[in-house]
Amino acid sequence: MTFVAVLSVGALACSDTDPVPTVKIVAAAPDMLDPNDDLADDLSITVEYTDGDADLGGGVADVYDCRAAGLVSQLVIPSIASQEAVDKGVPIEGAMELVVTDIGDVWPDLRAPSICGDLGVEDPTNGEVVFCVLLTDTAGNVSGGDCTASITVMPSL
């Protein structure tokens, strides 16, 4: 599994001064993936974020495939705020699109990985997948996570 960010990243000033970032998934598409078709095995996840001290850029986005332990895609988040905003710790908020490419057919574990279970994801079932996203800023502050709704995965041939 490969993880790519489509850089539709935006930042605005906000009033939240908590240095721990937040993340909320606002969209995930498509609602059905086909590992047999390279044109239908990529997932786009749109997230909204806040960061109370502007140091999210340069941090990491972790995307967990909740079908089995160890299926984690990581991306270094590109620069979001100006260096001046980072130096002053200006609160920011915005949205970014994350794209997980080449999602394969995976036999699910009996239990959801702990990070997914902690976020309320039920144990996996064959033919379905849930993805959870966590953001870590450059100071090491980790957001609470958020997860997609269940997405259908067509079986491999």
Protein backbone atom coordinates (compact mmCIF):
# COMPACT_ATOMS: atom_id res chain seq x y z
CA MET A 1 0.00 0.00 0.00
CA THR A 2 1.36 3.41 -0.95
CA PHE A 3 0.36 6.70 0.59
CA VAL A 4 0.31 9.95 -1.34
CA ALA A 5 -0.96 13.38 -0.43
CA VAL A 6 -2.63 15.43 -3.07
CA LEU A 7 -1.56 18.89 -2.05
CA SER A 8 -4.84 20.64 -1.71
CA VAL A 9 -3.69 21.82 1.69
CA GLY A 10 -5.00 25.08 3.05
CA ALA A 11 -4.54 26.93 6.29
CA LEU A 12 -6.42 29.76 7.95
CA ALA A 13 -5.93 31.41 11.30
CA CYS A 14 -8.18 29.99 14.02
CA SER A 15 -8.81 30.53 17.72
CA ASP A 16 -7.88 27.05 19.03
CA THR A 17 -4.53 27.41 20.84
CA ASP A 18 -4.18 23.75 21.92
CA PRO A 19 -0.80 22.58 20.55
CA VAL A 20 -2.20 19.06 19.95
CA PRO A 21 -3.59 18.87 16.41
CA THR A 22 -7.09 17.60 15.62
CA VAL A 23 -8.30 15.67 12.59
CA LYS A 24 -11.79 15.03 11.25
CA ILE A 25 -12.56 12.99 8.14
CA VAL A 26 -15.12 14.85 6.04
CA ALA A 27 -15.15 12.61 2.94
CA ALA A 28 -13.83 9.34 1.60
CA ALA A 29 -14.30 8.16 -1.97
CA PRO A 30 -15.06 5.89 -3.67
CA ASP A 31 -17.32 3.73 -1.49
CA MET A 32 -16.16 0.55 -3.28
CA LEU A 33 -12.58 -0.50 -4.11
CA ASP A 34 -11.52 -3.13 -6.63
CA PRO A 35 -7.96 -4.49 -6.07
CA ASN A 36 -8.18 -6.16 -9.52
CA ASP A 37 -8.50 -2.80 -11.30
CA ASP A 38 -5.68 -0.26 -11.05
CA LEU A 39 -8.19 2.48 -11.90
CA ALA A 40 -10.45 1.50 -8.97
CA ASP A 41 -8.06 0.64 -6.11
CA ASP A 42 -7.21 4.12 -4.79
CA LEU A 43 -9.00 5.90 -1.94
CA SER A 44 -9.20 9.66 -1.43
CA ILE A 45 -9.70 10.82 2.18
CA THR A 46 -10.43 14.49 2.82
CA VAL A 47 -9.64 15.65 6.35
CA GLU A 48 -10.08 18.90 8.22
CA TYR A 49 -7.48 19.78 10.84
CA THR A 50 -6.65 22.34 13.51
CA ASP A 51 -3.27 23.00 15.05
CA GLY A 52 -2.89 25.48 17.88
CA ASP A 53 0.75 26.37 17.19
CA ALA A 54 1.14 26.03 13.39
CA ASP A 55 3.72 23.20 13.50
CA LEU A 56 1.66 20.51 11.73
CA GLY A 57 3.55 21.04 8.47
CA GLY A 58 6.63 18.80 8.57
CA GLY A 59 4.75 16.34 10.79
CA VAL A 60 3.30 12.99 9.73
CA ALA A 61 -0.11 11.68 8.68
CA ASP A 62 -0.64 8.01 9.59
CA VAL A 63 -3.40 6.15 7.75
CA TYR A 64 -4.32 2.79 9.29
CA ASP A 65 -5.97 0.04 7.25
CA CYS A 66 -8.11 -1.55 9.96
CA ARG A 67 -8.28 -5.00 8.36
CA ALA A 68 -4.99 -6.20 9.86
CA ALA A 69 -2.17 -5.11 12.17
CA GLY A 70 0.80 -3.42 10.55
CA LEU A 71 -1.04 -1.93 7.56
CA VAL A 72 -0.05 1.70 8.09
CA SER A 73 0.78 4.26 5.44
CA GLN A 74 2.78 7.32 6.46
CA LEU A 75 3.29 10.68 4.81
CA VAL A 76 5.39 13.64 5.81
CA ILE A 77 2.95 16.55 5.78
CA PRO A 78 4.21 19.39 3.59
CA SER A 79 4.76 22.87 4.96
CA ILE A 80 1.43 24.48 5.76
CA ALA A 81 2.04 27.72 7.65
CA SER A 82 4.69 30.36 7.07
CA GLN A 83 7.85 30.19 9.17
CA GLU A 84 6.73 33.40 10.89
CA ALA A 85 3.42 31.75 11.89
CA VAL A 86 5.28 28.68 13.19
CA ASP A 87 7.72 30.89 15.17
CA LYS A 88 4.80 32.81 16.72
CA GLY A 89 2.72 29.65 17.32
CA VAL A 90 -0.27 30.99 15.40
CA PRO A 91 -3.29 28.64 15.53
CA ILE A 92 -4.28 27.29 12.08
CA GLU A 93 -7.04 25.20 10.56
CA GLY A 94 -7.63 23.85 7.10
CA ALA A 95 -8.21 20.80 4.96
CA MET A 96 -6.07 18.34 3.06
CA GLU A 97 -6.71 15.42 0.77
CA LEU A 98 -4.89 12.15 1.43
CA VAL A 99 -4.79 9.43 -1.21
CA VAL A 100 -4.06 5.80 -0.40
CA THR A 101 -3.12 4.06 -3.64
CA ASP A 102 -3.09 0.44 -4.78
CA ILE A 103 -5.22 -0.95 -1.97
CA GLY A 104 -5.03 -4.73 -2.12
CA ASP A 105 -7.21 -7.58 -1.01
CA VAL A 106 -6.15 -8.50 2.55
CA TRP A 107 -7.47 -11.36 4.65
CA PRO A 108 -8.67 -9.62 7.82
CA ASP A 109 -7.36 -10.36 11.29
CA LEU A 110 -9.88 -11.61 13.87
CA ARG A 111 -9.56 -8.33 15.79
CA ALA A 112 -9.18 -4.78 14.58
CA PRO A 113 -5.71 -3.33 15.23
CA SER A 114 -5.65 -1.65 18.65
CA ILE A 115 -5.51 1.90 17.26
CA CYS A 116 -8.63 1.18 15.20
CA GLY A 117 -10.43 -0.57 18.07
CA ASP A 118 -9.62 2.35 20.37
CA LEU A 119 -11.35 4.63 17.85
CA GLY A 120 -14.50 2.48 17.88
CA VAL A 121 -13.90 0.38 14.77
CA GLU A 122 -15.51 -3.05 15.01
CA ASP A 123 -13.57 -6.21 14.23
CA PRO A 124 -12.93 -6.51 10.49
CA THR A 125 -14.95 -8.59 8.08
CA ASN A 126 -13.88 -9.93 4.72
CA GLY A 127 -14.90 -7.60 1.88
CA GLU A 128 -14.93 -4.41 3.94
CA VAL A 129 -12.31 -1.93 5.11
CA VAL A 130 -12.20 1.06 7.44
CA PHE A 131 -9.31 3.54 7.44
CA CYS A 132 -8.32 5.67 10.44
CA VAL A 133 -6.19 8.82 10.28
CA LEU A 134 -3.95 10.35 12.97
CA LEU A 135 -1.79 13.45 12.59
CA THR A 136 1.49 14.10 14.42
CA ASP A 137 3.05 17.58 14.43
CA THR A 138 6.77 18.38 14.48
CA ALA A 139 6.78 18.58 18.30
CA GLY A 140 5.46 15.01 18.50
CA ASN A 141 1.90 15.92 19.53
CA VAL A 142 -0.48 13.26 18.20
CA SER A 143 -4.09 14.06 17.35
CA GLY A 144 -7.01 11.96 18.36
CA GLY A 145 -7.98 9.94 15.32
CA ASP A 146 -10.96 9.72 13.05
CA CYS A 147 -12.11 6.88 10.79
CA THR A 148 -13.96 6.44 7.53
CA ALA A 149 -17.22 4.61 7.23
CA SER A 150 -16.93 1.02 6.03
CA ILE A 151 -15.83 0.73 2.40
CA THR A 152 -16.55 -2.33 0.24
CA VAL A 153 -13.53 -4.19 -1.18
CA MET A 154 -14.21 -6.48 -4.13
CA PRO A 155 -12.56 -9.92 -3.78
CA SER A 156 -9.42 -10.67 -5.76
CA LEU A 157 -9.76 -13.01 -8.69
